[in-house]
């Protein structure tokens, strides 16, 4: 199963778009559309909307792969 473009847009509307990393949540640093930064990731100049969409799509693919494995 693969998320449709409409499904991706629904997620985008449900998430807060954060262009910078000024707030913390339980020790995690969310950015873009709810993406939790990994230790090797850094966006010192913030994130543009197009880049945030690409990151979200990658996060969705990773989740889909996990579901398929289980």
N, C-alpha and C. Protein backbone atom coordinates (compact mmCIF):
# COMPACT_ATOMS: atom_id res chain seq x y z
N UNK A 1 0.85 -1.17 0.00
CA UNK A 1 0.00 0.00 0.00
C UNK A 1 0.89 1.24 0.00
N UNK A 2 0.47 2.25 -0.72
CA UNK A 2 1.23 3.50 -0.78
C UNK A 2 0.26 4.67 -0.58
N UNK A 3 0.70 5.63 0.23
CA UNK A 3 -0.11 6.80 0.50
C UNK A 3 -0.30 7.62 -0.78
N UNK A 4 -1.51 8.06 -1.01
CA UNK A 4 -1.81 8.88 -2.19
C UNK A 4 -1.38 10.33 -1.96
N UNK A 5 -1.36 11.10 -3.01
CA UNK A 5 -1.04 12.53 -2.91
C UNK A 5 -2.08 13.22 -2.02
N UNK A 6 -3.33 12.80 -2.12
CA UNK A 6 -4.38 13.39 -1.28
C UNK A 6 -4.13 13.05 0.20
N UNK A 7 -3.66 11.84 0.46
CA UNK A 7 -3.34 11.45 1.83
C UNK A 7 -2.19 12.26 2.39
N UNK A 8 -1.19 12.51 1.56
CA UNK A 8 -0.06 13.33 1.99
C UNK A 8 -0.52 14.75 2.31
N UNK A 9 -1.40 15.30 1.50
CA UNK A 9 -1.93 16.65 1.76
C UNK A 9 -2.74 16.68 3.05
N UNK A 10 -3.48 15.60 3.33
CA UNK A 10 -4.24 15.52 4.57
C UNK A 10 -3.30 15.55 5.78
N UNK A 11 -2.21 14.80 5.71
CA UNK A 11 -1.24 14.82 6.80
C UNK A 11 -0.66 16.22 6.96
N UNK A 12 -0.33 16.87 5.85
CA UNK A 12 0.24 18.22 5.92
C UNK A 12 -0.73 19.19 6.61
N UNK A 13 -2.01 19.05 6.33
CA UNK A 13 -3.00 19.94 6.97
C UNK A 13 -3.16 19.63 8.45
N UNK A 14 -2.87 18.38 8.84
CA UNK A 14 -3.03 17.96 10.23
C UNK A 14 -1.82 18.28 11.09
N UNK A 15 -0.69 18.50 10.48
CA UNK A 15 0.56 18.77 11.21
C UNK A 15 0.85 20.26 11.20
N UNK A 16 1.61 20.68 12.18
CA UNK A 16 2.07 22.07 12.24
C UNK A 16 3.32 22.18 11.39
N UNK A 17 3.37 23.16 10.51
CA UNK A 17 4.57 23.39 9.71
C UNK A 17 5.49 24.31 10.49
N UNK A 18 6.62 23.79 10.95
CA UNK A 18 7.61 24.57 11.69
C UNK A 18 8.81 24.82 10.80
N UNK A 19 9.11 26.07 10.55
CA UNK A 19 10.24 26.41 9.67
C UNK A 19 11.56 26.45 10.41
N UNK A 20 11.52 26.45 11.73
CA UNK A 20 12.76 26.47 12.50
C UNK A 20 12.65 25.53 13.69
N UNK A 21 13.66 25.52 14.51
CA UNK A 21 13.73 24.55 15.59
C UNK A 21 13.75 25.24 16.94
N UNK A 22 12.86 26.20 17.13
CA UNK A 22 12.93 26.99 18.36
C UNK A 22 12.20 26.35 19.54
N UNK A 23 11.47 25.30 19.34
CA UNK A 23 10.75 24.70 20.45
C UNK A 23 11.11 23.22 20.58
N UNK A 24 10.93 22.72 21.77
CA UNK A 24 11.26 21.34 22.08
C UNK A 24 9.99 20.62 22.56
N UNK A 25 9.93 19.35 22.33
CA UNK A 25 8.81 18.53 22.79
C UNK A 25 9.39 17.24 23.35
N UNK A 26 9.32 17.09 24.64
CA UNK A 26 9.82 15.89 25.32
C UNK A 26 11.27 15.56 24.92
N UNK A 27 12.07 16.58 24.73
CA UNK A 27 13.47 16.37 24.40
C UNK A 27 13.74 16.17 22.93
N UNK A 28 12.72 16.07 22.11
CA UNK A 28 12.89 15.92 20.67
C UNK A 28 12.80 17.28 20.01
N UNK A 29 13.38 17.41 18.86
CA UNK A 29 13.35 18.68 18.15
C UNK A 29 12.56 18.51 16.85
N UNK A 30 11.26 18.74 16.89
CA UNK A 30 10.46 18.60 15.68
C UNK A 30 10.67 19.76 14.72
N UNK A 31 10.58 19.48 13.46
CA UNK A 31 10.68 20.51 12.44
C UNK A 31 9.82 20.09 11.26
N UNK A 32 9.68 20.98 10.30
CA UNK A 32 8.89 20.70 9.11
C UNK A 32 7.48 20.28 9.52
N UNK A 33 7.02 19.14 9.02
CA UNK A 33 5.68 18.64 9.36
C UNK A 33 5.80 17.52 10.39
N UNK A 34 6.22 17.86 11.61
CA UNK A 34 6.30 16.87 12.67
C UNK A 34 7.48 15.92 12.57
N UNK A 35 8.43 16.21 11.72
CA UNK A 35 9.62 15.37 11.58
C UNK A 35 10.51 15.53 12.81
N UNK A 36 10.94 14.43 13.39
CA UNK A 36 11.84 14.49 14.52
C UNK A 36 13.27 14.38 14.01
N UNK A 37 14.04 15.41 14.29
CA UNK A 37 15.42 15.44 13.80
C UNK A 37 16.24 14.30 14.38
N UNK A 38 17.01 13.69 13.50
CA UNK A 38 17.96 12.67 13.92
C UNK A 38 19.27 13.37 14.28
N UNK A 39 20.13 12.72 15.05
CA UNK A 39 21.37 13.38 15.47
C UNK A 39 22.21 13.92 14.30
N UNK A 40 22.19 13.27 13.16
CA UNK A 40 23.01 13.71 12.03
C UNK A 40 22.36 14.81 11.19
N UNK A 41 21.10 15.13 11.46
CA UNK A 41 20.38 16.13 10.68
C UNK A 41 20.55 17.53 11.26
N UNK A 42 20.64 18.50 10.36
CA UNK A 42 20.77 19.88 10.80
C UNK A 42 20.19 20.79 9.72
N UNK A 43 19.39 21.73 10.14
CA UNK A 43 18.82 22.72 9.23
C UNK A 43 19.03 24.10 9.86
N UNK A 44 20.27 24.59 9.86
CA UNK A 44 20.57 25.84 10.57
C UNK A 44 19.84 27.06 10.01
N UNK A 45 19.42 27.00 8.75
CA UNK A 45 18.72 28.13 8.13
C UNK A 45 17.22 27.89 8.02
N UNK A 46 16.71 26.91 8.75
CA UNK A 46 15.29 26.60 8.67
C UNK A 46 15.00 25.68 7.50
N UNK A 47 13.74 25.45 7.25
CA UNK A 47 13.29 24.53 6.20
C UNK A 47 12.24 25.22 5.34
N UNK A 48 12.40 25.09 4.04
CA UNK A 48 11.40 25.60 3.11
C UNK A 48 10.27 24.58 2.99
N UNK A 49 9.11 25.03 2.57
CA UNK A 49 7.93 24.17 2.48
C UNK A 49 8.17 22.98 1.55
N UNK A 50 8.80 23.19 0.40
CA UNK A 50 9.05 22.09 -0.55
C UNK A 50 9.95 21.03 0.08
N UNK A 51 10.97 21.47 0.79
CA UNK A 51 11.87 20.54 1.45
C UNK A 51 11.13 19.79 2.56
N UNK A 52 10.27 20.48 3.27
CA UNK A 52 9.49 19.85 4.33
C UNK A 52 8.58 18.77 3.76
N UNK A 53 8.01 19.03 2.59
CA UNK A 53 7.15 18.03 1.95
C UNK A 53 7.95 16.79 1.58
N UNK A 54 9.17 16.97 1.08
CA UNK A 54 10.03 15.83 0.75
C UNK A 54 10.37 15.02 2.00
N UNK A 55 10.67 15.72 3.09
CA UNK A 55 10.99 15.03 4.34
C UNK A 55 9.78 14.25 4.82
N UNK A 56 8.60 14.86 4.77
CA UNK A 56 7.37 14.17 5.18
C UNK A 56 7.14 12.93 4.33
N UNK A 57 7.32 13.04 3.03
CA UNK A 57 7.13 11.89 2.14
C UNK A 57 8.10 10.76 2.51
N UNK A 58 9.33 11.11 2.85
CA UNK A 58 10.29 10.09 3.28
C UNK A 58 9.89 9.44 4.59
N UNK A 59 9.37 10.24 5.51
CA UNK A 59 8.90 9.69 6.79
C UNK A 59 7.73 8.74 6.56
N UNK A 60 6.84 9.12 5.65
CA UNK A 60 5.68 8.26 5.34
C UNK A 60 6.16 6.95 4.72
N UNK A 61 7.12 7.02 3.79
CA UNK A 61 7.64 5.80 3.16
C UNK A 61 8.24 4.86 4.22
N UNK A 62 8.99 5.42 5.15
CA UNK A 62 9.58 4.61 6.22
C UNK A 62 8.49 3.93 7.06
N UNK A 63 7.42 4.66 7.37
CA UNK A 63 6.32 4.09 8.14
C UNK A 63 5.62 2.99 7.34
N UNK A 64 5.40 3.22 6.06
CA UNK A 64 4.77 2.22 5.20
C UNK A 64 5.59 0.94 5.16
N UNK A 65 6.91 1.08 5.05
CA UNK A 65 7.78 -0.08 5.01
C UNK A 65 7.72 -0.87 6.32
N UNK A 66 7.65 -0.15 7.43
CA UNK A 66 7.53 -0.82 8.72
C UNK A 66 6.25 -1.61 8.82
N UNK A 67 5.16 -1.00 8.37
CA UNK A 67 3.86 -1.70 8.41
C UNK A 67 3.90 -2.93 7.53
N UNK A 68 4.49 -2.81 6.34
CA UNK A 68 4.56 -3.96 5.43
C UNK A 68 5.40 -5.10 6.00
N UNK A 69 6.47 -4.74 6.72
CA UNK A 69 7.31 -5.78 7.33
C UNK A 69 6.54 -6.56 8.40
N UNK A 70 5.67 -5.87 9.13
CA UNK A 70 4.93 -6.51 10.21
C UNK A 70 3.67 -7.14 9.70
